[in-house]
Amino acid sequence: MTSKNDQETRRVLCKLKSENGEVIGDELDLPLNCNVEQLTLICNALLKQTERVPYLFYINDKEITKDLQECVDISTLNTECVLDIIYQQQAVFRVRPVTRCTSSIPGHAEAVISISFSPNGEHLASGSGDTTVRFWDVNIQSPLYVCKGHSNWVLCIAWSPDSSKLASACKDGKLIIWDPQTGKQIGRTMHSHKQWITSLSWEPYHRNSECRFIASSSKDCDVRIWDIVLGTSVRIISGHTKCVTVVKWGGSGLLYTASQDRTVKVWRASDGTLCRTLEGHAHWVNTLALNTDYILRIGPFDPIKKTHKLIDDKNQLQDWAYARYKEIVQVCGERLVSGSDDFTLFLWDPEKDKRHLARLTGHQQLVNDVKFSPDGRILASASFDKSVKLWDAKTGKFLTTLRGHVQAVYMVAFSVDSRLMVSASADSTLKLWNINTKKLEIDLPGHADEVYAVDWSTDGTKVASGGKDKVLKLWQN
């Protein structure tokens, strides 16, 4: 048994490495009782940080929560052994947990199907079974505009990356663009899909700062790319044999589509060429997520520092958006995860390989939603088995199961600092989880029925939710 004095005198040679494998500084001779705070000070000094930046540290994929001792097998150490300590930067700011409902806003006449804050954090929109899209004033927390143009359930909404437009799509296959400043329709209603539209995805800002093109997937088995200025479909992408459930427009110019034909397909957006088909699921593929989703969502904005308000040059904003995208993908590329009715998830490197990197098993019922944390490091999956599971986004390694809901979990949303997550369930509650401790932080009851949709504002200050009770709720600290 090792005494306390042995821990203090026993030392080990270490190297500090980034997630990319870049070594910083020389080898370090550290005592085994060197703690996280001391490692953080060393890391900040070696990286010449002008302000203190928080870090997480890992040895052999195990997080150092106290000191080196807990992650080191002393019996295997020798004088020539050099330990690799991987450091990961955390967000400098901290999002405060939402703890209470500050507004319950009626307005919709049917269930709220989708909710989304704008990339700049200044607007909030929702789509409903009552055929309307609504904009809400997030400052005085009241209804703002009612947008009428659809004739059937509004199934999905999507903000353009520059926050200037909202797209909505319905069961009749209609696509409409709205102006959040006035609540008026922009251009004409686009209607070429033969059946309902299942999801929408805008071209990333760093690829086109005009925010002119948007992709839609449909139950008619097709994906269409629309030019919203011309108001027409400029490309039809066919290849799936059943309903296309999701479309994602990736940062490298690829489109990712999931289908009830059990496949995920990768297309080149520029000409619609099929690059590869990702196979492995045994049932419908319900959901897709990219590790770049958050960065692509906020486009040219920095909702925390508000530095985008100081820049007018679109080229400069575009370069800035691209730099942040590159920062995420430099670790392991643009990763994709798919969730299915077969209870499993697959992790893919879709730009390079049609074989999966990992098969993620453990859910007992269908996987309904999957999200990467904004920093791209954690993966969360929501299931009808009443649980949320957390996985390592790089390797697909299972981390933990979050239990607390008593009915199906429909959706999850991360805070911008990746430290918190909220889940929405058929049990009429939201639950707030601490990602660092992997424990329930607080219950958020209040809805009178199933909660279908939830979103966390990009500035971290608010959570919005909606569902079967037709009420939109805002949650804050």
Protein backbone atom coordinates (compact mmCIF):
# COMPACT_ATOMS: atom_id res chain seq x y z
CA MET A 1 0.00 0.00 0.00
CA THR A 2 1.33 3.46 -0.91
CA SER A 3 1.58 5.95 1.95
CA LYS A 4 0.76 9.64 1.68
CA ASN A 5 4.47 10.48 1.89
CA ASP A 6 5.17 8.08 -1.01
CA GLN A 7 2.56 9.87 -3.13
CA GLU A 8 4.18 13.22 -2.42
CA THR A 9 7.70 12.01 -3.24
CA ARG A 10 6.84 9.60 -6.08
CA ARG A 11 7.16 11.40 -9.37
CA VAL A 12 6.38 10.60 -12.97
CA LEU A 13 7.52 11.96 -16.34
CA CYS A 14 4.64 13.43 -18.37
CA LYS A 15 3.95 15.11 -21.70
CA LEU A 16 1.02 17.48 -22.22
CA LYS A 17 -0.71 16.84 -25.55
CA SER A 18 -3.64 18.45 -27.34
CA GLU A 19 -6.48 16.36 -28.75
CA ASN A 20 -4.66 16.54 -32.10
CA GLY A 21 -1.57 14.96 -30.58
CA GLU A 22 0.52 18.16 -30.53
CA VAL A 23 2.96 18.20 -27.60
CA ILE A 24 3.34 21.49 -25.71
CA GLY A 25 6.56 22.24 -23.86
CA ASP A 26 9.16 19.73 -22.70
CA GLU A 27 8.72 16.62 -20.60
CA LEU A 28 7.44 17.41 -17.12
CA ASP A 29 8.58 15.72 -13.92
CA LEU A 30 5.42 15.84 -11.77
CA PRO A 31 4.50 14.42 -8.35
CA LEU A 32 1.62 11.94 -8.27
CA ASN A 33 -0.37 14.33 -6.08
CA CYS A 34 -0.31 17.01 -8.80
CA ASN A 35 -3.96 18.07 -9.04
CA VAL A 36 -6.22 19.47 -11.75
CA GLU A 37 -5.76 23.05 -10.59
CA GLN A 38 -1.96 22.72 -10.81
CA LEU A 39 -2.18 21.05 -14.23
CA THR A 40 -4.41 23.93 -15.40
CA LEU A 41 -1.83 26.49 -14.25
CA ILE A 42 0.95 24.57 -16.04
CA CYS A 43 -1.11 24.30 -19.22
CA ASN A 44 -1.99 28.01 -19.23
CA ALA A 45 1.67 28.91 -18.72
CA LEU A 46 2.92 26.65 -21.52
CA LEU A 47 0.25 27.95 -23.92
CA LYS A 48 1.02 31.55 -22.86
CA GLN A 49 -2.63 32.32 -22.10
CA THR A 50 -3.15 35.94 -21.06
CA GLU A 51 -6.31 34.99 -19.14
CA ARG A 52 -6.85 31.78 -17.18
CA VAL A 53 -8.55 29.16 -19.36
CA PRO A 54 -10.14 26.02 -17.79
CA TYR A 55 -9.08 22.58 -19.08
CA LEU A 56 -10.02 18.95 -18.66
CA PHE A 57 -7.19 16.38 -18.48
CA TYR A 58 -7.15 12.70 -19.43
CA ILE A 59 -4.75 9.77 -19.10
CA ASN A 60 -5.65 6.77 -21.30
CA ASP A 61 -9.16 8.20 -21.86
CA LYS A 62 -9.78 8.45 -18.11
CA GLU A 63 -10.50 11.94 -16.82
CA ILE A 64 -8.32 13.29 -14.03
CA THR A 65 -10.86 14.62 -11.54
CA LYS A 66 -8.56 15.02 -8.52
CA ASP A 67 -4.87 14.24 -9.11
CA LEU A 68 -2.54 12.04 -11.20
CA GLN A 69 -2.63 9.28 -8.60
CA GLU A 70 -6.19 8.23 -9.50
CA CYS A 71 -5.31 7.57 -13.17
CA VAL A 72 -1.86 6.03 -12.79
CA ASP A 73 -1.10 2.37 -12.13
CA ILE A 74 1.95 2.73 -9.92
CA SER A 75 2.95 -0.94 -10.33
CA THR A 76 3.56 -0.46 -14.06
CA LEU A 77 5.59 2.73 -13.75
CA ASN A 78 9.32 2.80 -14.29
CA THR A 79 11.89 5.57 -14.53
CA GLU A 80 11.74 5.61 -18.34
CA CYS A 81 7.93 5.70 -18.61
CA VAL A 82 6.51 8.95 -20.01
CA LEU A 83 2.77 9.49 -19.50
CA ASP A 84 0.72 11.32 -22.09
CA ILE A 85 -1.71 13.76 -20.49
CA ILE A 86 -4.33 14.93 -23.00
CA TYR A 87 -5.75 18.39 -22.34
CA GLN A 88 -9.09 19.71 -23.61
CA GLN A 89 -10.02 23.36 -23.42
CA GLN A 90 -13.37 24.17 -21.82
CA ALA A 91 -15.50 27.24 -22.42
CA VAL A 92 -14.23 30.20 -20.38
CA PHE A 93 -17.77 31.41 -19.63
CA ARG A 94 -20.28 29.36 -17.69
CA VAL A 95 -23.96 29.04 -18.52
CA ARG A 96 -26.11 29.32 -15.41
CA PRO A 97 -28.58 26.44 -14.96
CA VAL A 98 -32.19 27.23 -15.80
CA THR A 99 -34.20 26.67 -12.64
CA ARG A 100 -37.71 28.05 -13.18
CA CYS A 101 -40.38 28.79 -15.75
CA THR A 102 -40.51 32.56 -16.28
CA SER A 103 -43.33 32.55 -18.86
CA SER A 104 -46.10 30.28 -20.10
CA ILE A 105 -47.27 31.83 -23.34
CA PRO A 106 -50.46 30.58 -25.00
CA GLY A 107 -51.18 31.28 -28.65
CA HIS A 108 -51.00 28.10 -30.69
CA ALA A 109 -54.30 26.29 -31.19
CA GLU A 110 -52.67 22.86 -31.61
CA ALA A 111 -49.53 21.07 -30.42
CA VAL A 112 -46.18 22.87 -30.69
CA ILE A 113 -44.09 20.62 -32.96
CA SER A 114 -40.84 22.60 -33.25
CA ILE A 115 -39.07 25.44 -31.43
CA SER A 116 -35.89 27.26 -32.36
CA PHE A 117 -33.90 30.30 -31.22
CA SER A 118 -32.21 32.32 -33.96
CA PRO A 119 -28.40 31.96 -34.33
CA ASN A 120 -27.86 35.44 -32.88
CA GLY A 121 -30.06 34.61 -29.88
CA GLU A 122 -32.40 37.56 -30.51
CA HIS A 123 -35.46 35.78 -31.97
CA LEU A 124 -37.56 32.74 -31.13
CA ALA A 125 -39.87 30.88 -33.50
CA SER A 126 -42.19 27.89 -33.29
CA GLY A 127 -44.17 25.71 -35.67
CA SER A 128 -47.45 24.01 -34.79
CA GLY A 129 -50.16 21.61 -35.82
CA ASP A 130 -52.45 24.66 -36.11
CA THR A 131 -50.75 25.41 -39.52
CA THR A 132 -49.07 28.60 -38.24
CA VAL A 133 -45.54 29.73 -37.53
CA ARG A 134 -45.16 32.14 -34.61
CA PHE A 135 -42.43 34.56 -33.63
CA TRP A 136 -42.07 35.41 -29.93
CA ASP A 137 -40.51 38.41 -28.23
CA VAL A 138 -37.84 36.88 -25.98
CA ASN A 139 -37.27 40.12 -24.06
CA ILE A 140 -40.82 40.82 -22.86
CA GLN A 141 -41.73 37.14 -23.30
CA SER A 142 -44.89 37.55 -25.31
CA PRO A 143 -46.32 36.70 -28.77
CA LEU A 144 -44.95 38.84 -31.60
CA TYR A 145 -46.16 37.67 -35.04
CA VAL A 146 -48.50 34.97 -36.30
CA CYS A 147 -47.47 33.75 -39.77
CA LYS A 148 -50.22 32.18 -41.89
CA GLY A 149 -49.49 30.52 -45.21
CA HIS A 150 -49.46 26.79 -44.57
CA SER A 151 -52.60 24.72 -44.89
CA ASN A 152 -51.45 21.72 -42.87
CA TRP A 153 -49.29 20.87 -39.84
CA VAL A 154 -45.98 22.76 -39.75
CA LEU A 155 -43.52 19.92 -39.17
CA CYS A 156 -40.16 21.71 -39.18
CA ILE A 157 -38.56 25.14 -39.04
CA ALA A 158 -34.97 26.27 -39.65
CA TRP A 159 -33.18 29.62 -39.22
CA SER A 160 -30.78 30.85 -41.87
CA PRO A 161 -27.26 31.12 -40.39
CA ASP A 162 -27.38 34.95 -40.65
CA SER A 163 -30.64 35.06 -38.59
CA SER A 164 -32.38 37.12 -41.29
CA LYS A 165 -34.81 34.40 -42.44
CA LEU A 166 -36.82 31.51 -41.07
CA ALA A 167 -37.86 28.59 -43.26
CA SER A 168 -40.90 26.46 -42.42
CA ALA A 169 -42.28 23.33 -44.05
CA CYS A 170 -45.53 21.42 -43.68
CA LYS A 171 -47.40 18.19 -44.31
CA ASP A 172 -48.59 19.50 -47.69
CA GLY A 173 -44.97 19.69 -48.92
CA LYS A 174 -44.92 23.51 -48.90
CA LEU A 175 -41.80 25.51 -48.02
CA ILE A 176 -42.17 29.16 -46.93
CA ILE A 177 -39.55 31.74 -45.94
CA TRP A 178 -40.41 34.37 -43.28
CA ASP A 179 -38.92 37.69 -42.18
CA PRO A 180 -38.52 37.70 -38.35
CA GLN A 181 -38.47 41.51 -38.27
CA THR A 182 -41.96 41.85 -39.77
CA GLY A 183 -43.52 38.39 -39.68
CA LYS A 184 -44.17 38.70 -43.45
CA GLN A 185 -43.54 36.03 -46.06
CA ILE A 186 -40.41 36.48 -48.21
CA GLY A 187 -40.90 35.51 -51.84
CA ARG A 188 -43.38 32.92 -52.98
CA THR A 189 -44.45 29.62 -51.47
CA MET A 190 -42.29 26.80 -52.85
CA HIS A 191 -44.23 23.63 -53.55
CA SER A 192 -42.66 20.78 -55.51
CA HIS A 193 -42.51 17.90 -53.03
CA LYS A 194 -45.33 15.42 -53.57
CA GLN A 195 -45.63 14.54 -49.87
CA TRP A 196 -44.78 16.17 -46.57
CA ILE A 197 -41.39 17.71 -45.82
CA THR A 198 -39.57 16.04 -42.92
CA SER A 199 -36.56 18.33 -42.33
CA LEU A 200 -34.72 21.43 -43.53
CA SER A 201 -31.06 22.43 -43.62
CA TRP A 202 -29.47 25.69 -44.85
CA GLU A 203 -26.18 25.90 -46.72
CA PRO A 204 -23.46 26.79 -44.15
CA TYR A 205 -22.56 30.48 -43.84
CA HIS A 206 -18.86 29.94 -44.48
CA ARG A 207 -19.74 28.44 -47.88
CA ASN A 208 -22.25 31.13 -48.88
CA SER A 209 -22.81 34.27 -46.80
CA GLU A 210 -25.89 35.17 -48.88
CA CYS A 211 -27.87 32.35 -47.21
CA ARG A 212 -29.65 31.71 -50.48
CA PHE A 213 -29.89 27.91 -50.62
CA ILE A 214 -31.73 25.43 -48.42
CA ALA A 215 -32.18 21.65 -48.62
CA SER A 216 -35.39 19.80 -47.77
CA SER A 217 -36.09 16.09 -47.29
CA SER A 218 -39.47 14.53 -47.89
CA LYS A 219 -41.67 11.51 -47.48
CA ASP A 220 -41.71 11.38 -51.31
CA CYS A 221 -38.15 9.84 -51.12
CA ASP A 222 -36.48 12.93 -52.62
CA VAL A 223 -34.21 15.70 -51.36
CA ARG A 224 -34.46 19.11 -53.00
CA ILE A 225 -32.16 22.12 -52.96
CA TRP A 226 -34.02 25.42 -53.24
CA ASP A 227 -32.93 28.85 -54.40
CA ILE A 228 -35.07 31.09 -52.20
CA VAL A 229 -34.38 34.17 -54.35
CA LEU A 230 -35.76 32.49 -57.48
CA GLY A 231 -38.32 30.59 -55.41
CA THR A 232 -37.64 27.32 -57.22
CA SER A 233 -36.06 23.93 -56.72
CA VAL A 234 -32.64 23.97 -58.42
CA ARG A 235 -31.67 20.37 -57.74
CA ILE A 236 -33.57 17.14 -57.09
CA ILE A 237 -31.58 14.38 -55.39
CA SER A 238 -33.10 10.94 -55.77
CA GLY A 239 -31.81 7.58 -54.62
CA HIS A 240 -33.59 6.64 -51.43
CA THR A 241 -36.39 4.09 -51.83
CA LYS A 242 -38.45 5.18 -48.81
CA CYS A 243 -39.22 8.34 -46.84
CA VAL A 244 -36.16 10.57 -46.26
CA THR A 245 -36.36 11.45 -42.57
CA VAL A 246 -33.46 13.90 -42.18
CA VAL A 247 -31.17 16.07 -44.29
CA LYS A 248 -28.00 17.78 -43.00
CA TRP A 249 -25.87 20.21 -45.03
CA GLY A 250 -22.31 19.67 -43.85
CA GLY A 251 -19.51 22.21 -43.66
CA SER A 252 -17.42 20.55 -46.38
CA GLY A 253 -20.18 20.82 -49.00
CA LEU A 254 -21.69 17.38 -48.50
CA LEU A 255 -25.34 16.55 -47.87
CA TYR A 256 -26.15 13.74 -45.44
CA THR A 257 -29.56 12.07 -45.67
CA ALA A 258 -31.22 9.41 -43.51
CA SER A 259 -34.13 7.29 -44.64
CA GLN A 260 -36.67 4.66 -43.70
CA ASP A 261 -34.89 2.48 -46.28
CA ARG A 262 -32.37 1.87 -43.41
CA THR A 263 -29.50 3.73 -45.12
CA VAL A 264 -27.67 7.00 -44.72
CA LYS A 265 -26.42 8.53 -47.97
CA VAL A 266 -23.67 11.09 -48.59
CA TRP A 267 -24.12 13.43 -51.57
CA ARG A 268 -22.11 16.25 -53.11
CA ALA A 269 -24.35 19.30 -52.78
CA SER A 270 -22.81 21.08 -55.79
CA ASP A 271 -24.02 18.53 -58.36
CA GLY A 272 -26.07 15.94 -56.44
CA THR A 273 -23.57 13.12 -57.00
CA LEU A 274 -23.87 10.19 -54.61
CA CYS A 275 -20.52 9.78 -52.83
CA ARG A 276 -21.29 6.76 -50.64
CA THR A 277 -24.05 4.84 -48.92
CA LEU A 278 -23.67 4.09 -45.21
CA GLU A 279 -25.30 0.79 -44.32
CA GLY A 280 -25.70 -1.14 -41.09
CA HIS A 281 -29.00 -0.15 -39.49
CA ALA A 282 -31.67 -2.86 -39.36
CA HIS A 283 -34.65 -0.49 -39.26
CA TRP A 284 -35.67 3.10 -40.08
CA VAL A 285 -33.04 5.77 -39.49
CA ASN A 286 -34.79 8.53 -37.52
CA THR A 287 -32.16 11.08 -36.66
CA LEU A 288 -28.76 12.45 -37.69
CA ALA A 289 -26.31 14.80 -36.01
CA LEU A 290 -22.97 16.33 -36.99
CA ASN A 291 -20.23 17.31 -34.56
CA THR A 292 -20.24 20.66 -36.41
CA ASP A 293 -24.00 21.29 -35.95
CA TYR A 294 -23.59 24.07 -33.38
CA ILE A 295 -20.81 25.90 -35.24
CA LEU A 296 -22.77 25.72 -38.50
CA ARG A 297 -25.90 26.88 -36.69
CA ILE A 298 -24.43 30.11 -35.27
CA GLY A 299 -22.61 30.98 -38.53
CA PRO A 300 -21.05 34.45 -38.24
CA PHE A 301 -22.29 35.10 -34.70
CA ASP A 302 -20.64 35.03 -31.32
CA PRO A 303 -23.73 35.18 -29.10
CA ILE A 304 -21.63 35.34 -25.92
CA LYS A 305 -19.03 38.04 -26.74
CA LYS A 306 -21.28 39.83 -29.28
CA THR A 307 -18.17 40.61 -31.35
CA HIS A 308 -20.20 40.12 -34.56
CA LYS A 309 -21.84 43.47 -33.84
CA LEU A 310 -18.50 45.20 -34.43
CA ILE A 311 -18.01 43.70 -37.91
CA ASP A 312 -19.95 44.75 -41.01
CA ASP A 313 -17.79 43.09 -43.67
CA LYS A 314 -19.47 39.86 -44.85
CA ASN A 315 -16.16 38.46 -46.12
CA GLN A 316 -14.59 38.95 -42.72
CA LEU A 317 -17.56 37.29 -41.02
CA GLN A 318 -17.41 34.43 -43.50
CA ASP A 319 -13.69 33.91 -42.80
CA TRP A 320 -14.40 33.97 -39.08
CA ALA A 321 -17.16 31.35 -39.42
CA TYR A 322 -14.83 29.15 -41.48
CA ALA A 323 -12.03 29.44 -38.91
CA ARG A 324 -14.35 28.21 -36.15
CA TYR A 325 -15.55 25.35 -38.33
CA LYS A 326 -11.94 24.31 -39.01
CA GLU A 327 -11.21 24.41 -35.29
CA ILE A 328 -13.85 21.74 -34.67
CA VAL A 329 -12.95 19.46 -37.60
CA GLN A 330 -9.18 19.57 -37.11
CA VAL A 331 -9.46 17.05 -34.27
CA CYS A 332 -11.15 14.21 -36.17
CA GLY A 333 -12.97 15.65 -39.18
CA GLU A 334 -16.70 16.11 -39.62
CA ARG A 335 -18.26 13.23 -37.71
CA LEU A 336 -21.79 11.97 -38.24
CA VAL A 337 -23.98 9.90 -35.94
CA SER A 338 -27.23 8.17 -36.90
CA GLY A 339 -29.99 6.87 -34.61
CA SER A 340 -32.54 4.25 -35.54
CA ASP A 341 -35.68 2.30 -34.72
CA ASP A 342 -33.32 -0.69 -34.31
CA PHE A 343 -32.33 0.76 -30.88
CA THR A 344 -28.74 1.49 -32.03
CA LEU A 345 -26.58 4.40 -33.13
CA PHE A 346 -23.71 4.37 -35.61
CA LEU A 347 -20.75 6.76 -35.57
CA TRP A 348 -19.36 7.56 -39.03
CA ASP A 349 -16.47 9.37 -40.68
CA PRO A 350 -18.66 10.07 -43.72
CA GLU A 351 -16.19 12.12 -45.78
CA LYS A 352 -13.73 9.24 -45.96
CA ASP A 353 -15.29 5.85 -45.29
CA LYS A 354 -18.54 3.96 -45.75
CA ARG A 355 -17.71 1.66 -42.82
CA HIS A 356 -18.84 2.78 -39.38
CA LEU A 357 -16.32 3.80 -36.72
CA ALA A 358 -18.46 2.44 -33.88
CA ARG A 359 -21.79 0.77 -33.23
CA LEU A 360 -23.40 2.21 -30.10
CA THR A 361 -25.71 -0.24 -28.35
CA GLY A 362 -27.58 -0.24 -25.06
CA HIS A 363 -30.91 1.45 -25.69
CA GLN A 364 -33.93 -0.81 -25.20
CA GLN A 365 -36.26 1.05 -27.59
CA LEU A 366 -36.01 3.30 -30.64
CA VAL A 367 -33.59 6.24 -30.66
CA ASN A 368 -35.56 9.42 -31.34
CA ASP A 369 -32.97 12.21 -31.07
CA VAL A 370 -29.21 12.54 -31.05
CA LYS A 371 -27.06 15.64 -30.44
CA PHE A 372 -23.37 16.48 -30.24
CA SER A 373 -22.36 18.94 -27.53
CA PRO A 374 -21.32 22.36 -28.96
CA ASP A 375 -17.64 21.56 -28.36
CA GLY A 376 -18.09 18.30 -30.32
CA ARG A 377 -16.85 16.06 -27.50
CA ILE A 378 -19.98 14.47 -26.05
CA LEU A 379 -22.81 12.69 -27.81
CA ALA A 380 -26.27 12.40 -26.26
CA SER A 381 -29.01 10.05 -27.46
CA ALA A 382 -32.67 10.22 -26.39
CA SER A 383 -34.81 7.12 -26.55
CA PHE A 384 -38.32 5.83 -26.06
CA ASP A 385 -36.81 3.61 -23.33
CA LYS A 386 -37.14 6.68 -20.99
CA SER A 387 -33.38 7.28 -20.85
CA VAL A 388 -30.69 9.53 -22.26
CA LYS A 389 -27.27 8.01 -22.88
CA LEU A 390 -23.96 9.88 -23.12
CA TRP A 391 -21.11 8.71 -25.37
CA ASP A 392 -17.60 9.86 -26.23
CA ALA A 393 -18.07 11.64 -29.55
CA LYS A 394 -14.61 10.74 -30.83
CA THR A 395 -14.63 7.01 -30.14
CA GLY A 396 -18.29 6.15 -29.50
CA LYS A 397 -17.35 4.80 -26.05
CA PHE A 398 -20.32 4.57 -23.67
CA LEU A 399 -20.07 7.03 -20.77
CA THR A 400 -23.28 6.81 -18.74
CA THR A 401 -27.07 6.49 -18.73
CA LEU A 402 -29.16 9.38 -17.42
CA ARG A 403 -32.33 8.06 -15.82
CA GLY A 404 -35.17 10.07 -14.34
CA HIS A 405 -37.89 10.36 -16.97
CA VAL A 406 -40.82 7.97 -16.59
CA GLN A 407 -41.91 8.04 -20.24
CA ALA A 408 -40.28 8.37 -23.67
CA VAL A 409 -37.61 11.06 -24.11
CA TYR A 410 -38.26 13.00 -27.31
CA MET A 411 -35.47 15.55 -27.53
CA VAL A 412 -32.33 16.96 -25.88
CA ALA A 413 -30.56 20.32 -26.10
CA PHE A 414 -27.10 21.32 -24.82
CA SER A 415 -26.07 24.62 -23.28
CA VAL A 416 -23.54 26.58 -25.33
CA ASP A 417 -20.72 25.82 -22.85
CA SER A 418 -21.41 22.06 -23.17
CA ARG A 419 -21.65 21.68 -19.37
CA LEU A 420 -25.44 21.32 -19.14
CA MET A 421 -28.17 19.54 -21.09
CA VAL A 422 -31.95 19.63 -20.97
CA SER A 423 -34.24 16.76 -22.02
CA ALA A 424 -37.92 16.83 -23.01
CA SER A 425 -40.23 13.90 -22.42
CA ALA A 426 -43.69 12.43 -22.88
CA ASP A 427 -43.94 12.55 -19.06
CA SER A 428 -44.68 16.32 -19.37
CA THR A 429 -41.39 17.38 -17.76
CA LEU A 430 -38.05 18.79 -18.73
CA LYS A 431 -34.97 17.66 -16.83
CA LEU A 432 -31.69 19.53 -16.50
CA TRP A 433 -28.53 17.40 -16.39
CA ASN A 434 -24.98 18.30 -15.37
CA ILE A 435 -22.67 16.82 -18.03
CA ASN A 436 -19.53 17.04 -15.86
CA THR A 437 -21.03 15.15 -12.91
CA LYS A 438 -23.40 13.16 -15.16
CA LYS A 439 -26.20 13.68 -12.67
CA LEU A 440 -29.66 15.26 -12.59
CA GLU A 441 -29.38 18.94 -11.68
CA ILE A 442 -33.07 19.84 -11.42
CA ASP A 443 -36.58 18.76 -12.46
CA LEU A 444 -38.53 21.26 -14.53
CA PRO A 445 -42.24 20.36 -14.33
CA GLY A 446 -44.98 22.65 -15.59
CA HIS A 447 -46.23 21.39 -18.95
CA ALA A 448 -49.68 19.82 -18.85
CA ASP A 449 -48.89 17.16 -21.46
CA GLU A 450 -46.12 15.63 -23.58
CA VAL A 451 -43.17 17.92 -24.39
CA TYR A 452 -42.20 17.52 -28.05
CA ALA A 453 -39.68 20.32 -28.61
CA VAL A 454 -36.94 22.09 -26.66
CA ASP A 455 -34.13 24.49 -27.54
CA TRP A 456 -31.43 26.31 -25.58
CA SER A 457 -30.71 29.87 -26.71
CA THR A 458 -27.31 30.43 -28.30
CA ASP A 459 -26.40 33.04 -25.68
CA GLY A 460 -27.07 30.49 -22.94
CA THR A 461 -29.65 32.54 -21.03
CA LYS A 462 -32.95 30.81 -21.87
CA VAL A 463 -34.55 27.48 -22.67
CA ALA A 464 -37.79 27.29 -24.66
CA SER A 465 -40.12 24.28 -24.76
CA GLY A 466 -43.43 23.31 -26.30
CA GLY A 467 -45.65 20.32 -26.85
CA LYS A 468 -49.07 18.77 -26.77
CA ASP A 469 -50.50 21.34 -24.31
CA LYS A 470 -50.13 24.05 -27.04
CA VAL A 471 -48.23 26.33 -24.63
CA LEU A 472 -44.76 27.76 -25.19
CA LYS A 473 -42.70 27.97 -21.99
CA LEU A 474 -39.54 29.96 -21.31
CA TRP A 475 -37.13 28.83 -18.60
CA GLN A 476 -34.38 30.91 -16.98
CA ASN A 477 -32.21 31.04 -13.90
